[in-house]
Amino acid sequence: MCNKVTLSKKGAAHISYCAQCKHIYIWHRNLMLTFSDAQFRSFKKYTESPDFNESFYRFPDGENRLILHTPNADICFAFTEDEWTDFYAAMEEAEYMCGVYRLIY
């Protein structure tokens, strides 16, 4: 089992890293995504698109949510604005912390 180090935790978003297998794990409620370092950077870069960040859709419950596609086309996240703010802030902090760990190891 991996020995995970927490890179960031904001709201329901928790991002951790395993120095042994070199994977970054994004946990959000009952979902988990696993990335290599390069995949994580690519995923984060995708979320920085201005068009993407403006793509909120009204859901049947009346709340606006942002749709985030994952590497698996059949699985998407749907974030409220507050959830998205936490998720994105966690990825920002995790990216910074990954740089710190790369310097250390």
C-alpha atoms as a PDB file:
ATOM      1  CA  MET A   1       0.000   0.000   0.000  1.00  0.00           C
ATOM      2  CA  CYS A   2       1.182   3.483  -0.812  1.00  0.00           C
ATOM      3  CA  ASN A   3       2.428   5.844   1.857  1.00  0.00           C
ATOM      4  CA  LYS A   4       0.539   8.956   0.774  1.00  0.00           C
ATOM      5  CA  VAL A   5       1.500  12.503   1.707  1.00  0.00           C
ATOM      6  CA  THR A   6      -1.234  15.129   1.667  1.00  0.00           C
ATOM      7  CA  LEU A   7      -0.461  17.893  -0.813  1.00  0.00           C
ATOM      8  CA  SER A   8      -3.660  19.851  -0.276  1.00  0.00           C
ATOM      9  CA  LYS A   9      -7.115  19.662   1.283  1.00  0.00           C
ATOM     10  CA  LYS A  10      -9.827  22.194   0.506  1.00  0.00           C
ATOM     11  CA  GLY A  11     -13.450  21.393   1.269  1.00  0.00           C
ATOM     12  CA  ALA A  12     -14.256  17.970  -0.187  1.00  0.00           C
ATOM     13  CA  ALA A  13     -11.112  17.978  -2.366  1.00  0.00           C
ATOM     14  CA  HIS A  14      -8.112  16.063  -1.017  1.00  0.00           C
ATOM     15  CA  ILE A  15      -4.960  15.646  -3.111  1.00  0.00           C
ATOM     16  CA  SER A  16      -2.151  13.339  -2.057  1.00  0.00           C
ATOM     17  CA  TYR A  17       1.120  11.992  -3.459  1.00  0.00           C
ATOM     18  CA  CYS A  18       2.982   8.704  -3.099  1.00  0.00           C
ATOM     19  CA  ALA A  19       6.772   9.001  -3.462  1.00  0.00           C
ATOM     20  CA  GLN A  20       7.081   5.227  -3.974  1.00  0.00           C
ATOM     21  CA  CYS A  21       4.748   4.818  -6.968  1.00  0.00           C
ATOM     22  CA  LYS A  22       4.990   8.500  -7.985  1.00  0.00           C
ATOM     23  CA  HIS A  23       1.222   8.889  -8.352  1.00  0.00           C
ATOM     24  CA  ILE A  24      -0.934  11.853  -7.461  1.00  0.00           C
ATOM     25  CA  TYR A  25      -4.371  11.023  -6.099  1.00  0.00           C
ATOM     26  CA  ILE A  26      -7.316  13.396  -6.274  1.00  0.00           C
ATOM     27  CA  TRP A  27     -10.106  12.407  -3.917  1.00  0.00           C
ATOM     28  CA  HIS A  28     -13.458  14.172  -4.108  1.00  0.00           C
ATOM     29  CA  ARG A  29     -16.255  12.737  -1.994  1.00  0.00           C
ATOM     30  CA  ASN A  30     -16.643   9.151  -3.217  1.00  0.00           C
ATOM     31  CA  LEU A  31     -14.462   9.442  -6.345  1.00  0.00           C
ATOM     32  CA  MET A  32     -10.717   9.084  -6.755  1.00  0.00           C
ATOM     33  CA  LEU A  33      -8.541   9.947  -9.749  1.00  0.00           C
ATOM     34  CA  THR A  34      -4.975   8.678 -10.113  1.00  0.00           C
ATOM     35  CA  PHE A  35      -2.391  10.559 -12.177  1.00  0.00           C
ATOM     36  CA  SER A  36       1.289  10.463 -12.958  1.00  0.00           C
ATOM     37  CA  ASP A  37       2.985  13.821 -12.385  1.00  0.00           C
ATOM     38  CA  ALA A  38       2.773  14.676 -16.104  1.00  0.00           C
ATOM     39  CA  GLN A  39      -0.879  13.626 -16.291  1.00  0.00           C
ATOM     40  CA  PHE A  40      -1.721  15.780 -13.263  1.00  0.00           C
ATOM     41  CA  ARG A  41      -0.034  18.828 -14.796  1.00  0.00           C
ATOM     42  CA  SER A  42      -1.882  18.218 -18.069  1.00  0.00           C
ATOM     43  CA  PHE A  43      -5.223  17.806 -16.254  1.00  0.00           C
ATOM     44  CA  LYS A  44      -4.653  21.004 -14.284  1.00  0.00           C
ATOM     45  CA  LYS A  45      -3.666  22.903 -17.425  1.00  0.00           C
ATOM     46  CA  TYR A  46      -6.929  21.785 -19.050  1.00  0.00           C
ATOM     47  CA  THR A  47      -8.889  23.279 -16.141  1.00  0.00           C
ATOM     48  CA  GLU A  48      -7.175  26.665 -16.582  1.00  0.00           C
ATOM     49  CA  SER A  49      -8.953  27.387 -19.877  1.00  0.00           C
ATOM     50  CA  PRO A  50     -11.024  30.589 -19.581  1.00  0.00           C
ATOM     51  CA  ASP A  51     -13.817  29.045 -21.653  1.00  0.00           C
ATOM     52  CA  PHE A  52     -13.875  26.046 -19.354  1.00  0.00           C
ATOM     53  CA  ASN A  53     -14.188  28.123 -16.191  1.00  0.00           C
ATOM     54  CA  GLU A  54     -17.219  29.928 -17.653  1.00  0.00           C
ATOM     55  CA  SER A  55     -19.056  26.660 -18.480  1.00  0.00           C
ATOM     56  CA  PHE A  56     -21.655  26.422 -15.729  1.00  0.00           C
ATOM     57  CA  TYR A  57     -24.911  24.636 -16.581  1.00  0.00           C
ATOM     58  CA  ARG A  58     -28.219  24.706 -14.755  1.00  0.00           C
ATOM     59  CA  PHE A  59     -29.045  21.263 -13.340  1.00  0.00           C
ATOM     60  CA  PRO A  60     -32.553  19.850 -12.722  1.00  0.00           C
ATOM     61  CA  ASP A  61     -32.295  20.846  -9.045  1.00  0.00           C
ATOM     62  CA  GLY A  62     -31.948  24.487 -10.146  1.00  0.00           C
ATOM     63  CA  GLU A  63     -28.291  24.838  -9.141  1.00  0.00           C
ATOM     64  CA  ASN A  64     -25.574  25.844 -11.595  1.00  0.00           C
ATOM     65  CA  ARG A  65     -22.710  23.377 -11.869  1.00  0.00           C
ATOM     66  CA  LEU A  66     -19.488  23.190 -13.805  1.00  0.00           C
ATOM     67  CA  ILE A  67     -18.929  19.932 -15.714  1.00  0.00           C
ATOM     68  CA  LEU A  68     -15.375  18.579 -15.537  1.00  0.00           C
ATOM     69  CA  HIS A  69     -14.586  15.694 -17.841  1.00  0.00           C
ATOM     70  CA  THR A  70     -12.093  13.155 -16.538  1.00  0.00           C
ATOM     71  CA  PRO A  71      -9.584  11.092 -18.525  1.00  0.00           C
ATOM     72  CA  ASN A  72     -12.362   8.488 -18.797  1.00  0.00           C
ATOM     73  CA  ALA A  73     -14.951  10.027 -21.135  1.00  0.00           C
ATOM     74  CA  ASP A  74     -17.794   8.232 -19.338  1.00  0.00           C
ATOM     75  CA  ILE A  75     -17.056   9.861 -15.972  1.00  0.00           C
ATOM     76  CA  CYS A  76     -17.522  13.571 -15.222  1.00  0.00           C
ATOM     77  CA  PHE A  77     -17.493  15.711 -12.122  1.00  0.00           C
ATOM     78  CA  ALA A  78     -20.276  18.235 -11.573  1.00  0.00           C
ATOM     79  CA  PHE A  79     -19.161  21.033  -9.247  1.00  0.00           C
ATOM     80  CA  THR A  80     -21.142  23.815  -7.648  1.00  0.00           C
ATOM     81  CA  GLU A  81     -19.291  27.120  -7.753  1.00  0.00           C
ATOM     82  CA  ASP A  82     -18.066  26.708  -4.154  1.00  0.00           C
ATOM     83  CA  GLU A  83     -16.968  23.112  -4.769  1.00  0.00           C
ATOM     84  CA  TRP A  84     -15.119  24.197  -7.911  1.00  0.00           C
ATOM     85  CA  THR A  85     -13.354  26.990  -6.043  1.00  0.00           C
ATOM     86  CA  ASP A  86     -12.139  24.486  -3.417  1.00  0.00           C
ATOM     87  CA  PHE A  87     -11.165  21.867  -6.019  1.00  0.00           C
ATOM     88  CA  TYR A  88      -9.195  24.335  -8.120  1.00  0.00           C
ATOM     89  CA  ALA A  89      -7.485  25.866  -5.075  1.00  0.00           C
ATOM     90  CA  ALA A  90      -6.489  22.353  -3.952  1.00  0.00           C
ATOM     91  CA  MET A  91      -4.964  21.632  -7.379  1.00  0.00           C
ATOM     92  CA  GLU A  92      -3.049  24.948  -7.286  1.00  0.00           C
ATOM     93  CA  GLU A  93      -1.646  24.148  -3.851  1.00  0.00           C
ATOM     94  CA  ALA A  94      -0.899  20.530  -4.807  1.00  0.00           C
ATOM     95  CA  GLU A  95       0.999  21.638  -7.917  1.00  0.00           C
ATOM     96  CA  TYR A  96       3.130  23.937  -5.756  1.00  0.00           C
ATOM     97  CA  MET A  97       3.742  21.187  -3.182  1.00  0.00           C
ATOM     98  CA  CYS A  98       4.710  18.714  -5.918  1.00  0.00           C
ATOM     99  CA  GLY A  99       7.442  21.153  -6.921  1.00  0.00           C
ATOM    100  CA  VAL A 100       8.636  21.239  -3.316  1.00  0.00           C
ATOM    101  CA  TYR A 101       8.738  17.410  -3.138  1.00  0.00           C
ATOM    102  CA  ARG A 102      10.595  17.205  -6.466  1.00  0.00           C
ATOM    103  CA  LEU A 103      13.285  19.450  -4.968  1.00  0.00           C
ATOM    104  CA  ILE A 104      13.502  17.356  -1.814  1.00  0.00           C
ATOM    105  CA  TYR A 105      13.597  13.948  -3.529  1.00  0.00           C
END
